[in-house]
């Protein structure tokens, strides 16, 4: 991964951890955990 892309990916992973800790992404059919795959 390019050096300039790692900070962005790290930020996305932090966001996903916080969203998941708060119960995930809530939609009408249920809740889902956020996950970034690189």
Protein backbone atom coordinates (compact mmCIF):
# COMPACT_ATOMS: atom_id res chain seq x y z
CA UNK A 1 0.00 0.00 0.00
CA UNK A 2 1.30 3.44 -0.83
CA UNK A 3 2.55 5.52 2.08
CA UNK A 4 -0.09 8.17 1.40
CA UNK A 5 -2.91 5.59 1.57
CA UNK A 6 -2.07 4.12 4.97
CA UNK A 7 -3.21 7.12 7.06
CA UNK A 8 -6.54 7.09 5.24
CA UNK A 9 -7.01 3.36 5.81
CA UNK A 10 -6.06 3.75 9.48
CA UNK A 11 -8.67 6.50 9.84
CA UNK A 12 -11.31 4.29 8.23
CA UNK A 13 -10.47 1.45 10.60
CA UNK A 14 -10.77 3.76 13.62
CA UNK A 15 -14.16 4.93 12.31
CA UNK A 16 -15.30 1.31 11.87
CA UNK A 17 -14.21 0.42 15.42
CA UNK A 18 -16.21 3.34 16.84
CA UNK A 19 -19.30 2.58 14.74
CA UNK A 20 -19.20 -1.10 15.70
CA UNK A 21 -18.74 -0.25 19.39
CA UNK A 22 -21.90 1.87 19.16
CA UNK A 23 -23.91 -1.03 17.73
CA UNK A 24 -22.99 -0.96 14.06
CA UNK A 25 -24.78 0.51 11.08
CA UNK A 26 -28.51 0.37 11.71
CA UNK A 27 -30.87 -0.24 8.79
CA UNK A 28 -34.54 -1.20 8.73
CA UNK A 29 -33.66 -4.90 8.41
CA UNK A 30 -31.10 -4.95 11.24
CA UNK A 31 -27.66 -3.81 12.34
CA UNK A 32 -24.42 -4.49 10.52
CA UNK A 33 -20.78 -4.17 11.52
CA UNK A 34 -18.51 -1.97 9.42
CA UNK A 35 -15.40 -3.61 7.98
CA UNK A 36 -12.67 -2.34 5.67
CA UNK A 37 -10.66 -4.89 3.70
CA UNK A 38 -7.41 -3.92 2.04
